[in-house]
Amino acid sequence: MSNIFQISKELLDVFEQIEENDGELTEELEAKLTVSQSDFKFKVKSLGDGIKYLKSEIDAINKEVTRLKALKESKTKTIDRLEKIIIWAVDMFGESTKSGGKFIDFGTGKVNVRNTEKVEVEKDVIDAAINNVFSYVNMLNYTRQLDDCDGIDCKELINGLNEGDTPVVITEDELYNLQASLTFDVNLKDLLYGEGFEFIRHFIKFVQVYKATNSITKTALKRAIEDNNADLHNIARVVQNKTVTIK
């Protein structure tokens, strides 16, 4: 008696051809799969067995992906630890470069350690600030204070951030350098025929459920700190870093 993996060679060949066609059924392949009254039990069972077989392959693939992901993370952590050892060793015993870095040349290869900068971001503070901004604006809308205002006073808003579910300490510079991505569902009639075009007013009025997420990049924050001299110490800072190049 056949089990779920014992599929007729003819149908197995059809499945393989469908896979080779990226899942597309040609007329010829569809004809081979056509179920007639005389053989419908056999073919339906075989097709069901084929689906089970393919699902078992997907399960095996998912397990392998999980295994490889864990293996990748483990090897990445090992590399990080080894690089820290190299950085310490080259800093201690390596030769200096003109740019202030260090290197070791061992004939068949070379290891360079150079000084770089990276941006450390306080993601929890940024996320809390963004969520509290919209909670505060929702409160203004609920109390009808939003209807008559042309804009929100920045200092008042910063004070309002501390009244949310997660109090946030943030400066005016930091507030102005935050950026959020908004995803929401909206009825097109409400969008097209709303009164006026003041976005924030109608956004709050019509959108019942939305999600605001942080979309600011480290590059933008670094530019704001270095080029615009913005004080963003609560949400981001530029720190010295060392990177390793192995040749």
Protein backbone atom coordinates (compact mmCIF):
# COMPACT_ATOMS: atom_id res chain seq x y z
CA MET A 1 0.00 0.00 0.00
CA SER A 2 1.36 3.38 -0.97
CA ASN A 3 2.11 5.95 1.72
CA ILE A 4 1.92 9.74 1.31
CA PHE A 5 5.38 9.87 -0.31
CA GLN A 6 4.79 7.11 -2.89
CA ILE A 7 3.58 9.10 -5.87
CA SER A 8 3.24 7.69 -9.36
CA LYS A 9 6.27 8.43 -11.53
CA GLU A 10 4.06 10.17 -14.08
CA LEU A 11 2.67 12.64 -11.56
CA LEU A 12 6.08 13.15 -9.95
CA ASP A 13 7.47 14.06 -13.37
CA VAL A 14 4.63 16.56 -13.79
CA PHE A 15 5.40 18.16 -10.41
CA GLU A 16 9.07 18.48 -11.33
CA GLN A 17 8.21 20.11 -14.66
CA ILE A 18 5.88 22.56 -12.91
CA GLU A 19 8.71 23.50 -10.51
CA GLU A 20 11.06 24.01 -13.46
CA ASN A 21 8.43 26.35 -14.97
CA ASP A 22 8.39 28.39 -11.72
CA GLY A 23 4.97 27.01 -10.83
CA GLU A 24 3.36 27.76 -14.22
CA LEU A 25 1.03 25.16 -15.72
CA THR A 26 1.25 24.63 -19.47
CA GLU A 27 -1.71 23.18 -21.39
CA GLU A 28 0.19 19.91 -21.78
CA LEU A 29 0.93 19.63 -18.06
CA GLU A 30 -2.62 20.62 -17.15
CA ALA A 31 -3.94 17.87 -19.39
CA LYS A 32 -1.82 15.31 -17.54
CA LEU A 33 -3.36 16.46 -14.28
CA THR A 34 -6.95 16.46 -15.55
CA VAL A 35 -9.16 14.26 -13.39
CA SER A 36 -11.61 11.91 -15.12
CA GLN A 37 -14.37 9.88 -13.46
CA SER A 38 -12.54 6.60 -14.02
CA ASP A 39 -9.35 7.57 -12.24
CA PHE A 40 -10.43 10.47 -10.02
CA LYS A 41 -9.83 8.61 -6.74
CA PHE A 42 -6.30 7.64 -7.69
CA LYS A 43 -5.40 11.04 -9.08
CA VAL A 44 -6.96 13.01 -6.23
CA LYS A 45 -5.11 10.82 -3.72
CA SER A 46 -1.88 11.17 -5.70
CA LEU A 47 -2.30 14.93 -5.96
CA GLY A 48 -2.97 15.10 -2.22
CA ASP A 49 0.12 12.99 -1.56
CA GLY A 50 2.06 15.33 -3.82
CA ILE A 51 0.93 18.37 -1.83
CA LYS A 52 1.91 16.67 1.44
CA TYR A 53 5.28 15.76 -0.04
CA LEU A 54 5.94 19.34 -1.18
CA LYS A 55 4.84 20.70 2.21
CA SER A 56 7.25 18.33 3.93
CA GLU A 57 10.02 19.69 1.72
CA ILE A 58 9.06 23.24 2.68
CA ASP A 59 9.17 22.27 6.37
CA ALA A 60 12.64 20.80 5.86
CA ILE A 61 13.75 23.97 4.06
CA ASN A 62 12.40 26.17 6.88
CA LYS A 63 14.28 24.11 9.46
CA GLU A 64 17.47 24.40 7.42
CA VAL A 65 17.00 28.15 7.08
CA THR A 66 16.59 28.41 10.87
CA ARG A 67 19.70 26.28 11.40
CA LEU A 68 21.76 28.33 8.94
CA LYS A 69 20.56 31.60 10.47
CA ALA A 70 21.65 30.46 13.94
CA LEU A 71 24.97 29.26 12.50
CA LYS A 72 25.48 32.63 10.78
CA GLU A 73 24.78 34.53 14.02
CA SER A 74 27.21 32.30 15.91
CA LYS A 75 29.99 32.80 13.37
CA THR A 76 29.33 36.56 13.27
CA LYS A 77 29.75 36.76 17.04
CA THR A 78 32.99 34.78 16.76
CA ILE A 79 34.28 37.17 14.11
CA ASP A 80 33.41 40.15 16.33
CA ARG A 81 35.36 38.66 19.24
CA LEU A 82 38.37 37.82 17.05
CA GLU A 83 38.38 41.31 15.52
CA LYS A 84 38.49 42.85 19.01
CA ILE A 85 41.55 40.74 19.79
CA ILE A 86 43.19 41.80 16.50
CA ILE A 87 42.43 45.48 17.19
CA TRP A 88 44.03 45.24 20.62
CA ALA A 89 47.11 43.42 19.26
CA VAL A 90 47.64 45.74 16.29
CA ASP A 91 47.13 48.83 18.46
CA MET A 92 49.77 47.52 20.85
CA PHE A 93 52.41 46.22 18.44
CA GLY A 94 51.54 47.42 14.93
CA GLU A 95 53.16 50.13 12.86
CA SER A 96 51.49 53.51 12.46
CA THR A 97 50.02 54.83 9.23
CA LYS A 98 50.03 58.47 8.10
CA SER A 99 46.31 58.72 8.84
CA GLY A 100 46.76 57.62 12.45
CA GLY A 101 45.79 53.99 12.01
CA LYS A 102 47.87 50.90 12.69
CA PHE A 103 48.87 47.92 10.55
CA ILE A 104 50.83 44.68 10.55
CA ASP A 105 52.40 43.38 7.34
CA PHE A 106 53.31 39.71 7.51
CA GLY A 107 54.52 39.30 3.93
CA THR A 108 51.71 37.21 2.51
CA GLY A 109 49.07 39.55 3.81
CA LYS A 110 48.30 42.68 5.76
CA VAL A 111 45.98 43.69 8.57
CA ASN A 112 44.90 47.32 8.90
CA VAL A 113 43.14 48.91 11.84
CA ARG A 114 41.77 52.36 11.15
CA ASN A 115 39.90 54.88 13.24
CA THR A 116 36.32 55.53 12.15
CA GLU A 117 33.18 57.09 13.51
CA LYS A 118 29.77 55.54 14.01
CA VAL A 119 26.43 56.77 15.24
CA GLU A 120 24.86 55.19 18.30
CA VAL A 121 21.09 55.66 18.35
CA GLU A 122 18.73 55.52 21.33
CA LYS A 123 15.98 53.67 19.48
CA ASP A 124 13.71 53.30 22.52
CA VAL A 125 13.78 57.07 23.15
CA ILE A 126 13.07 57.85 19.49
CA ASP A 127 10.19 55.35 19.28
CA ALA A 128 8.68 56.65 22.52
CA ALA A 129 8.96 60.26 21.32
CA ILE A 130 7.25 59.49 18.01
CA ASN A 131 4.43 57.57 19.69
CA ASN A 132 3.95 60.30 22.28
CA VAL A 133 3.83 63.03 19.61
CA PHE A 134 0.85 61.35 17.96
CA SER A 135 -0.77 60.55 21.31
CA TYR A 136 -0.48 64.23 22.19
CA VAL A 137 -1.94 65.35 18.86
CA ASN A 138 -4.78 62.84 19.31
CA MET A 139 -5.50 64.38 22.70
CA LEU A 140 -5.64 67.86 21.13
CA ASN A 141 -8.05 66.55 18.53
CA TYR A 142 -10.23 64.85 21.15
CA THR A 143 -10.47 68.05 23.18
CA ARG A 144 -11.12 70.05 19.96
CA GLN A 145 -8.01 72.17 20.51
CA LEU A 146 -6.71 71.04 17.11
CA ASP A 147 -9.59 72.60 15.15
CA ASP A 148 -8.57 76.19 15.74
CA CYS A 149 -4.77 75.99 15.71
CA ASP A 150 -2.49 76.59 12.74
CA GLY A 151 0.42 74.73 14.33
CA ILE A 152 1.58 73.27 17.62
CA ASP A 153 3.95 75.20 19.83
CA CYS A 154 7.18 73.21 20.07
CA LYS A 155 7.78 73.89 23.77
CA GLU A 156 4.19 72.97 24.57
CA LEU A 157 4.58 69.76 22.58
CA ILE A 158 7.83 68.86 24.35
CA ASN A 159 6.07 69.32 27.70
CA GLY A 160 3.23 67.17 26.38
CA LEU A 161 5.62 64.34 25.57
CA ASN A 162 6.12 63.78 29.27
CA GLU A 163 2.39 63.16 29.70
CA GLY A 164 2.29 60.08 27.47
CA ASP A 165 2.46 56.45 28.49
CA THR A 166 6.26 56.61 28.26
CA PRO A 167 7.65 59.97 29.43
CA VAL A 168 10.41 61.27 27.13
CA VAL A 169 13.14 63.80 27.74
CA ILE A 170 13.91 65.45 24.41
CA THR A 171 15.11 68.83 23.13
CA GLU A 172 13.72 71.03 20.37
CA ASP A 173 16.66 70.19 18.08
CA GLU A 174 16.08 66.49 18.66
CA LEU A 175 12.36 66.77 17.99
CA TYR A 176 12.93 68.55 14.68
CA ASN A 177 15.41 65.87 13.56
CA LEU A 178 13.03 62.97 14.10
CA GLN A 179 11.32 61.35 11.15
CA ALA A 180 8.53 58.78 11.07
CA SER A 181 6.95 56.47 8.52
CA LEU A 182 3.17 56.32 8.71
CA THR A 183 1.12 53.34 7.56
CA PHE A 184 -2.66 53.50 7.78
CA ASP A 185 -5.95 52.55 6.15
CA VAL A 186 -8.11 55.38 4.83
CA ASN A 187 -11.39 55.51 2.92
CA LEU A 188 -10.77 57.20 -0.44
CA LYS A 189 -13.99 59.20 -0.20
CA ASP A 190 -12.78 60.68 3.09
CA LEU A 191 -9.37 61.33 1.53
CA LEU A 192 -10.68 62.98 -1.64
CA TYR A 193 -13.68 64.92 -0.32
CA GLY A 194 -12.51 66.05 3.11
CA GLU A 195 -12.89 69.67 4.11
CA GLY A 196 -9.71 71.52 3.23
CA PHE A 197 -6.22 70.14 2.83
CA GLU A 198 -4.60 70.67 6.22
CA PHE A 199 -3.05 67.24 6.39
CA ILE A 200 -2.59 66.73 10.08
CA ARG A 201 -6.12 67.85 10.94
CA HIS A 202 -7.77 65.52 8.45
CA PHE A 203 -5.30 62.75 9.13
CA ILE A 204 -6.30 62.70 12.78
CA LYS A 205 -9.99 63.13 11.91
CA PHE A 206 -10.29 60.27 9.42
CA VAL A 207 -7.66 57.72 10.37
CA GLN A 208 -8.89 55.38 13.07
CA VAL A 209 -5.92 53.02 13.20
CA TYR A 210 -2.40 53.87 12.12
CA LYS A 211 1.14 52.95 13.01
CA ALA A 212 3.97 55.45 13.30
CA THR A 213 7.46 53.98 13.10
CA ASN A 214 10.94 55.43 13.25
CA SER A 215 12.48 55.91 9.79
CA ILE A 216 15.37 58.26 10.56
CA THR A 217 18.73 56.99 9.33
CA LYS A 218 22.06 57.04 11.13
CA THR A 219 23.48 58.98 8.18
CA ALA A 220 20.89 61.74 8.60
CA LEU A 221 21.52 61.93 12.34
CA LYS A 222 25.29 62.07 11.81
CA ARG A 223 24.83 64.87 9.27
CA ALA A 224 22.60 66.82 11.67
CA ILE A 225 25.16 66.49 14.45
CA GLU A 226 28.27 67.27 12.41
CA ASP A 227 27.06 69.63 9.69
CA ASN A 228 24.24 71.43 11.47
CA ASN A 229 25.77 71.33 14.97
CA ALA A 230 22.50 69.96 16.35
CA ASP A 231 22.49 68.85 19.97
CA LEU A 232 20.94 65.38 19.80
CA HIS A 233 22.54 63.81 22.86
CA ASN A 234 19.29 62.23 24.08
CA ILE A 235 18.71 60.28 20.87
CA ALA A 236 22.07 59.86 19.13
CA ARG A 237 25.78 60.45 19.43
CA VAL A 238 28.84 60.06 17.22
CA VAL A 239 31.43 57.79 18.82
CA GLN A 240 34.93 56.74 17.81
CA ASN A 241 35.23 53.25 16.41
CA LYS A 242 37.93 50.97 15.01
CA THR A 243 37.52 48.77 11.96
CA VAL A 244 39.68 45.90 10.73
CA THR A 245 40.64 45.21 7.12
CA ILE A 246 42.30 41.87 6.38
CA LYS A 247 44.06 41.43 3.04
